[in-house]
Amino acid sequence: MVRWMMFWIALGALLLVEAAWGQCALCRAAAAQGGERFVRGLNAGILYLLAAPYLIVGVVAFSLYRAFGRGR
């Protein structure tokens, strides 16, 4: 069961890579045509998108630690 799940996840990731590269080319073209303020805003947006999953996982992990770690 786990092997099939990993297979489907890997297959899905491989199929989505092409779409990601297409968006990367669009961002690169927009950044090349934009001014300095636009590029700074684009970089800030990328950092927000990068930090959001880690923040969510951290909050969930801390909540679980507080809920189950205090019983010891």
PDB file of N, CA and C in Angstrom:
ATOM      1  N   MET A   1       0.821  -1.195   0.000  1.00  0.00           N
ATOM      2  CA  MET A   1       0.000   0.000   0.000  1.00  0.00           C
ATOM      3  C   MET A   1       0.866   1.261   0.000  1.00  0.00           C
ATOM      4  N   VAL A   2       1.875   1.278   0.867  1.00  0.00           N
ATOM      5  CA  VAL A   2       2.742   2.449   0.955  1.00  0.00           C
ATOM      6  C   VAL A   2       3.536   2.622  -0.328  1.00  0.00           C
ATOM      7  N   ARG A   3       3.961   1.523  -0.927  1.00  0.00           N
ATOM      8  CA  ARG A   3       4.720   1.613  -2.178  1.00  0.00           C
ATOM      9  C   ARG A   3       3.879   2.229  -3.287  1.00  0.00           C
ATOM     10  N   TRP A   4       2.611   1.824  -3.368  1.00  0.00           N
ATOM     11  CA  TRP A   4       1.742   2.387  -4.406  1.00  0.00           C
ATOM     12  C   TRP A   4       1.501   3.867  -4.161  1.00  0.00           C
ATOM     13  N   MET A   5       1.333   4.233  -2.902  1.00  0.00           N
ATOM     14  CA  MET A   5       1.111   5.640  -2.589  1.00  0.00           C
ATOM     15  C   MET A   5       2.341   6.467  -2.972  1.00  0.00           C
ATOM     16  N   MET A   6       3.527   5.965  -2.648  1.00  0.00           N
ATOM     17  CA  MET A   6       4.755   6.670  -3.012  1.00  0.00           C
ATOM     18  C   MET A   6       4.908   6.747  -4.530  1.00  0.00           C
ATOM     19  N   PHE A   7       4.527   5.679  -5.221  1.00  0.00           N
ATOM     20  CA  PHE A   7       4.587   5.683  -6.679  1.00  0.00           C
ATOM     21  C   PHE A   7       3.711   6.782  -7.256  1.00  0.00           C
ATOM     22  N   TRP A   8       2.467   6.884  -6.788  1.00  0.00           N
ATOM     23  CA  TRP A   8       1.545   7.884  -7.316  1.00  0.00           C
ATOM     24  C   TRP A   8       1.986   9.303  -6.957  1.00  0.00           C
ATOM     25  N   ILE A   9       2.535   9.480  -5.779  1.00  0.00           N
ATOM     26  CA  ILE A   9       3.041  10.804  -5.395  1.00  0.00           C
ATOM     27  C   ILE A   9       4.216  11.193  -6.283  1.00  0.00           C
ATOM     28  N   ALA A  10       5.136  10.261  -6.520  1.00  0.00           N
ATOM     29  CA  ALA A  10       6.287  10.542  -7.379  1.00  0.00           C
ATOM     30  C   ALA A  10       5.843  10.825  -8.812  1.00  0.00           C
ATOM     31  N   LEU A  11       4.890  10.066  -9.299  1.00  0.00           N
ATOM     32  CA  LEU A  11       4.383  10.288 -10.654  1.00  0.00           C
ATOM     33  C   LEU A  11       3.723  11.654 -10.773  1.00  0.00           C
ATOM     34  N   GLY A  12       2.926  12.008  -9.784  1.00  0.00           N
ATOM     35  CA  GLY A  12       2.292  13.324  -9.787  1.00  0.00           C
ATOM     36  C   GLY A  12       3.308  14.446  -9.741  1.00  0.00           C
ATOM     37  N   ALA A  13       4.358  14.274  -8.946  1.00  0.00           N
ATOM     38  CA  ALA A  13       5.404  15.295  -8.866  1.00  0.00           C
ATOM     39  C   ALA A  13       6.117  15.443 -10.207  1.00  0.00           C
ATOM     40  N   LEU A  14       6.372  14.339 -10.877  1.00  0.00           N
ATOM     41  CA  LEU A  14       7.032  14.407 -12.179  1.00  0.00           C
ATOM     42  C   LEU A  14       6.160  15.101 -13.219  1.00  0.00           C
ATOM     43  N   LEU A  15       4.863  14.887 -13.145  1.00  0.00           N
ATOM     44  CA  LEU A  15       3.963  15.507 -14.113  1.00  0.00           C
ATOM     45  C   LEU A  15       3.785  16.997 -13.853  1.00  0.00           C
ATOM     46  N   LEU A  16       3.944  17.427 -12.623  1.00  0.00           N
ATOM     47  CA  LEU A  16       3.760  18.835 -12.290  1.00  0.00           C
ATOM     48  C   LEU A  16       5.006  19.680 -12.518  1.00  0.00           C
ATOM     49  N   VAL A  17       6.152  19.063 -12.734  1.00  0.00           N
ATOM     50  CA  VAL A  17       7.396  19.811 -12.891  1.00  0.00           C
ATOM     51  C   VAL A  17       7.347  20.718 -14.113  1.00  0.00           C
ATOM     52  N   GLU A  18       6.806  20.228 -15.209  1.00  0.00           N
ATOM     53  CA  GLU A  18       6.758  21.026 -16.429  1.00  0.00           C
ATOM     54  C   GLU A  18       5.920  22.284 -16.227  1.00  0.00           C
ATOM     55  N   ALA A  19       4.817  22.176 -15.538  1.00  0.00           N
ATOM     56  CA  ALA A  19       3.986  23.345 -15.270  1.00  0.00           C
ATOM     57  C   ALA A  19       4.724  24.343 -14.387  1.00  0.00           C
ATOM     58  N   ALA A  20       5.504  23.853 -13.451  1.00  0.00           N
ATOM     59  CA  ALA A  20       6.263  24.750 -12.576  1.00  0.00           C
ATOM     60  C   ALA A  20       7.323  25.508 -13.367  1.00  0.00           C
ATOM     61  N   TRP A  21       8.000  24.833 -14.281  1.00  0.00           N
ATOM     62  CA  TRP A  21       9.011  25.524 -15.078  1.00  0.00           C
ATOM     63  C   TRP A  21       8.385  26.558 -15.999  1.00  0.00           C
ATOM     64  N   GLY A  22       7.192  26.290 -16.482  1.00  0.00           N
ATOM     65  CA  GLY A  22       6.502  27.272 -17.314  1.00  0.00           C
ATOM     66  C   GLY A  22       6.197  28.535 -16.539  1.00  0.00           C
ATOM     67  N   GLN A  23       5.771  28.393 -15.301  1.00  0.00           N
ATOM     68  CA  GLN A  23       5.503  29.559 -14.466  1.00  0.00           C
ATOM     69  C   GLN A  23       6.794  30.281 -14.124  1.00  0.00           C
ATOM     70  N   CYS A  24       7.876  29.535 -13.951  1.00  0.00           N
ATOM     71  CA  CYS A  24       9.164  30.147 -13.646  1.00  0.00           C
ATOM     72  C   CYS A  24       9.598  31.055 -14.793  1.00  0.00           C
ATOM     73  N   ALA A  25       9.380  30.615 -16.026  1.00  0.00           N
ATOM     74  CA  ALA A  25       9.739  31.434 -17.179  1.00  0.00           C
ATOM     75  C   ALA A  25       8.901  32.707 -17.225  1.00  0.00           C
ATOM     76  N   LEU A  26       7.629  32.608 -16.856  1.00  0.00           N
ATOM     77  CA  LEU A  26       6.781  33.795 -16.826  1.00  0.00           C
ATOM     78  C   LEU A  26       7.248  34.777 -15.771  1.00  0.00           C
ATOM     79  N   CYS A  27       7.620  34.270 -14.602  1.00  0.00           N
ATOM     80  CA  CYS A  27       8.123  35.153 -13.542  1.00  0.00           C
ATOM     81  C   CYS A  27       9.424  35.814 -13.968  1.00  0.00           C
ATOM     82  N   ARG A  28      10.282  35.061 -14.609  1.00  0.00           N
ATOM     83  CA  ARG A  28      11.563  35.608 -15.051  1.00  0.00           C
ATOM     84  C   ARG A  28      11.341  36.725 -16.070  1.00  0.00           C
ATOM     85  N   ALA A  29      10.415  36.525 -16.992  1.00  0.00           N
ATOM     86  CA  ALA A  29      10.131  37.551 -18.000  1.00  0.00           C
ATOM     87  C   ALA A  29       9.520  38.790 -17.355  1.00  0.00           C
ATOM     88  N   ALA A  30       8.612  38.595 -16.401  1.00  0.00           N
ATOM     89  CA  ALA A  30       7.996  39.733 -15.717  1.00  0.00           C
ATOM     90  C   ALA A  30       9.020  40.481 -14.882  1.00  0.00           C
ATOM     91  N   ALA A  31       9.927  39.770 -14.235  1.00  0.00           N
ATOM     92  CA  ALA A  31      10.951  40.417 -13.414  1.00  0.00           C
ATOM     93  C   ALA A  31      11.934  41.192 -14.282  1.00  0.00           C
ATOM     94  N   ALA A  32      12.211  40.691 -15.470  1.00  0.00           N
ATOM     95  CA  ALA A  32      13.144  41.384 -16.354  1.00  0.00           C
ATOM     96  C   ALA A  32      12.554  42.692 -16.867  1.00  0.00           C
ATOM     97  N   GLN A  33      11.235  42.738 -17.039  1.00  0.00           N
ATOM     98  CA  GLN A  33      10.594  43.940 -17.559  1.00  0.00           C
ATOM     99  C   GLN A  33      10.187  44.910 -16.461  1.00  0.00           C
ATOM    100  N   GLY A  34      10.096  44.430 -15.228  1.00  0.00           N
ATOM    101  CA  GLY A  34       9.646  45.267 -14.126  1.00  0.00           C
ATOM    102  C   GLY A  34      10.759  46.141 -13.584  1.00  0.00           C
ATOM    103  N   GLY A  35      10.356  47.126 -12.819  1.00  0.00           N
ATOM    104  CA  GLY A  35      11.322  48.012 -12.195  1.00  0.00           C
ATOM    105  C   GLY A  35      11.859  47.429 -10.896  1.00  0.00           C
ATOM    106  N   GLU A  36      12.679  48.237 -10.211  1.00  0.00           N
ATOM    107  CA  GLU A  36      13.306  47.781  -8.972  1.00  0.00           C
ATOM    108  C   GLU A  36      12.267  47.499  -7.891  1.00  0.00           C
ATOM    109  N   ARG A  37      11.259  48.350  -7.795  1.00  0.00           N
ATOM    110  CA  ARG A  37      10.222  48.162  -6.774  1.00  0.00           C
ATOM    111  C   ARG A  37       9.439  46.870  -7.027  1.00  0.00           C
ATOM    112  N   PHE A  38       9.144  46.597  -8.282  1.00  0.00           N
ATOM    113  CA  PHE A  38       8.431  45.364  -8.636  1.00  0.00           C
ATOM    114  C   PHE A  38       9.252  44.135  -8.268  1.00  0.00           C
ATOM    115  N   VAL A  39      10.543  44.174  -8.549  1.00  0.00           N
ATOM    116  CA  VAL A  39      11.411  43.033  -8.259  1.00  0.00           C
ATOM    117  C   VAL A  39      11.516  42.815  -6.753  1.00  0.00           C
ATOM    118  N   ARG A  40      11.612  43.894  -5.970  1.00  0.00           N
ATOM    119  CA  ARG A  40      11.647  43.746  -4.512  1.00  0.00           C
ATOM    120  C   ARG A  40      10.348  43.136  -3.999  1.00  0.00           C
ATOM    121  N   GLY A  41       9.224  43.558  -4.565  1.00  0.00           N
ATOM    122  CA  GLY A  41       7.938  42.983  -4.178  1.00  0.00           C
ATOM    123  C   GLY A  41       7.831  41.515  -4.549  1.00  0.00           C
ATOM    124  N   LEU A  42       8.340  41.161  -5.713  1.00  0.00           N
ATOM    125  CA  LEU A  42       8.338  39.763  -6.149  1.00  0.00           C
ATOM    126  C   LEU A  42       9.192  38.904  -5.220  1.00  0.00           C
ATOM    127  N   ASN A  43      10.355  39.403  -4.838  1.00  0.00           N
ATOM    128  CA  ASN A  43      11.219  38.667  -3.915  1.00  0.00           C
ATOM    129  C   ASN A  43      10.567  38.508  -2.550  1.00  0.00           C
ATOM    130  N   ALA A  44       9.898  39.542  -2.065  1.00  0.00           N
ATOM    131  CA  ALA A  44       9.202  39.447  -0.780  1.00  0.00           C
ATOM    132  C   ALA A  44       8.075  38.419  -0.858  1.00  0.00           C
ATOM    133  N   GLY A  45       7.350  38.393  -1.961  1.00  0.00           N
ATOM    134  CA  GLY A  45       6.286  37.407  -2.136  1.00  0.00           C
ATOM    135  C   GLY A  45       6.818  35.986  -2.143  1.00  0.00           C
ATOM    136  N   ILE A  46       7.954  35.783  -2.773  1.00  0.00           N
ATOM    137  CA  ILE A  46       8.569  34.454  -2.791  1.00  0.00           C
ATOM    138  C   ILE A  46       8.962  34.035  -1.384  1.00  0.00           C
ATOM    139  N   LEU A  47       9.507  34.966  -0.608  1.00  0.00           N
ATOM    140  CA  LEU A  47       9.886  34.639   0.770  1.00  0.00           C
ATOM    141  C   LEU A  47       8.665  34.304   1.619  1.00  0.00           C
ATOM    142  N   TYR A  48       7.567  35.025   1.430  1.00  0.00           N
ATOM    143  CA  TYR A  48       6.334  34.706   2.162  1.00  0.00           C
ATOM    144  C   TYR A  48       5.835  33.313   1.807  1.00  0.00           C
ATOM    145  N   LEU A  49       5.845  32.988   0.524  1.00  0.00           N
ATOM    146  CA  LEU A  49       5.396  31.662   0.101  1.00  0.00           C
ATOM    147  C   LEU A  49       6.328  30.564   0.606  1.00  0.00           C
ATOM    148  N   LEU A  50       7.604  30.877   0.724  1.00  0.00           N
ATOM    149  CA  LEU A  50       8.567  29.909   1.227  1.00  0.00           C
ATOM    150  C   LEU A  50       8.399  29.680   2.720  1.00  0.00           C
ATOM    151  N   ALA A  51       8.104  30.730   3.468  1.00  0.00           N
ATOM    152  CA  ALA A  51       8.028  30.631   4.926  1.00  0.00           C
ATOM    153  C   ALA A  51       6.697  30.065   5.419  1.00  0.00           C
ATOM    154  N   ALA A  52       5.634  30.228   4.679  1.00  0.00           N
ATOM    155  CA  ALA A  52       4.300  29.835   5.149  1.00  0.00           C
ATOM    156  C   ALA A  52       4.194  28.353   5.522  1.00  0.00           C
ATOM    157  N   PRO A  53       4.651  27.405   4.712  1.00  0.00           N
ATOM    158  CA  PRO A  53       4.521  25.995   5.112  1.00  0.00           C
ATOM    159  C   PRO A  53       5.306  25.665   6.379  1.00  0.00           C
ATOM    160  N   TYR A  54       6.494  26.246   6.519  1.00  0.00           N
ATOM    161  CA  TYR A  54       7.295  25.993   7.718  1.00  0.00           C
ATOM    162  C   TYR A  54       6.619  26.567   8.952  1.00  0.00           C
ATOM    163  N   LEU A  55       6.014  27.719   8.817  1.00  0.00           N
ATOM    164  CA  LEU A  55       5.305  28.324   9.935  1.00  0.00           C
ATOM    165  C   LEU A  55       4.109  27.465  10.350  1.00  0.00           C
ATOM    166  N   ILE A  56       3.367  26.973   9.387  1.00  0.00           N
ATOM    167  CA  ILE A  56       2.202  26.136   9.685  1.00  0.00           C
ATOM    168  C   ILE A  56       2.633  24.842  10.376  1.00  0.00           C
ATOM    169  N   VAL A  57       3.661  24.187   9.847  1.00  0.00           N
ATOM    170  CA  VAL A  57       4.143  22.947  10.459  1.00  0.00           C
ATOM    171  C   VAL A  57       4.680  23.219  11.860  1.00  0.00           C
ATOM    172  N   GLY A  58       5.362  24.334  12.042  1.00  0.00           N
ATOM    173  CA  GLY A  58       5.876  24.680  13.361  1.00  0.00           C
ATOM    174  C   GLY A  58       4.773  24.903  14.376  1.00  0.00           C
ATOM    175  N   VAL A  59       3.720  25.594  13.976  1.00  0.00           N
ATOM    176  CA  VAL A  59       2.598  25.839  14.888  1.00  0.00           C
ATOM    177  C   VAL A  59       1.903  24.530  15.251  1.00  0.00           C
ATOM    178  N   VAL A  60       1.700  23.661  14.276  1.00  0.00           N
ATOM    179  CA  VAL A  60       1.071  22.364  14.552  1.00  0.00           C
ATOM    180  C   VAL A  60       1.959  21.525  15.467  1.00  0.00           C
ATOM    181  N   ALA A  61       3.256  21.488  15.206  1.00  0.00           N
ATOM    182  CA  ALA A  61       4.172  20.704  16.045  1.00  0.00           C
ATOM    183  C   ALA A  61       4.203  21.246  17.469  1.00  0.00           C
ATOM    184  N   PHE A  62       4.237  22.562  17.619  1.00  0.00           N
ATOM    185  CA  PHE A  62       4.244  23.162  18.953  1.00  0.00           C
ATOM    186  C   PHE A  62       2.942  22.864  19.687  1.00  0.00           C
ATOM    187  N   SER A  63       1.835  22.918  18.975  1.00  0.00           N
ATOM    188  CA  SER A  63       0.541  22.610  19.594  1.00  0.00           C
ATOM    189  C   SER A  63       0.481  21.156  20.054  1.00  0.00           C
ATOM    190  N   LEU A  64       0.980  20.245  19.227  1.00  0.00           N
ATOM    191  CA  LEU A  64       1.012  18.835  19.616  1.00  0.00           C
ATOM    192  C   LEU A  64       1.951  18.610  20.795  1.00  0.00           C
ATOM    193  N   TYR A  65       3.066  19.304  20.807  1.00  0.00           N
ATOM    194  CA  TYR A  65       3.999  19.183  21.922  1.00  0.00           C
ATOM    195  C   TYR A  65       3.351  19.655  23.218  1.00  0.00           C
ATOM    196  N   ARG A  66       2.661  20.768  23.152  1.00  0.00           N
ATOM    197  CA  ARG A  66       1.995  21.279  24.353  1.00  0.00           C
ATOM    198  C   ARG A  66       0.875  20.355  24.801  1.00  0.00           C
ATOM    199  N   ALA A  67       0.174  19.766  23.843  1.00  0.00           N
ATOM    200  CA  ALA A  67      -0.962  18.911  24.189  1.00  0.00           C
ATOM    201  C   ALA A  67      -0.516  17.571  24.769  1.00  0.00           C
ATOM    202  N   PHE A  68       0.507  16.969  24.184  1.00  0.00           N
ATOM    203  CA  PHE A  68       0.908  15.626  24.593  1.00  0.00           C
ATOM    204  C   PHE A  68       2.201  15.600  25.405  1.00  0.00           C
ATOM    205  N   GLY A  69       3.000  16.629  25.346  1.00  0.00           N
ATOM    206  CA  GLY A  69       4.283  16.644  26.042  1.00  0.00           C
ATOM    207  C   GLY A  69       4.172  16.944  27.521  1.00  0.00           C
ATOM    208  N   ARG A  70       3.119  17.575  27.944  1.00  0.00           N
ATOM    209  CA  ARG A  70       2.977  17.947  29.349  1.00  0.00           C
ATOM    210  C   ARG A  70       2.549  16.784  30.226  1.00  0.00           C
ATOM    211  N   GLY A  71       2.098  15.703  29.653  1.00  0.00           N
ATOM    212  CA  GLY A  71       1.637  14.566  30.437  1.00  0.00           C
ATOM    213  C   GLY A  71       2.769  13.767  31.064  1.00  0.00           C
ATOM    214  N   ARG A  72       3.972  14.051  30.674  1.00  0.00           N
ATOM    215  CA  ARG A  72       5.119  13.279  31.171  1.00  0.00           C
ATOM    216  C   ARG A  72       5.539  13.718  32.529  1.00  0.00           C
TER     217      ARG A  72
END
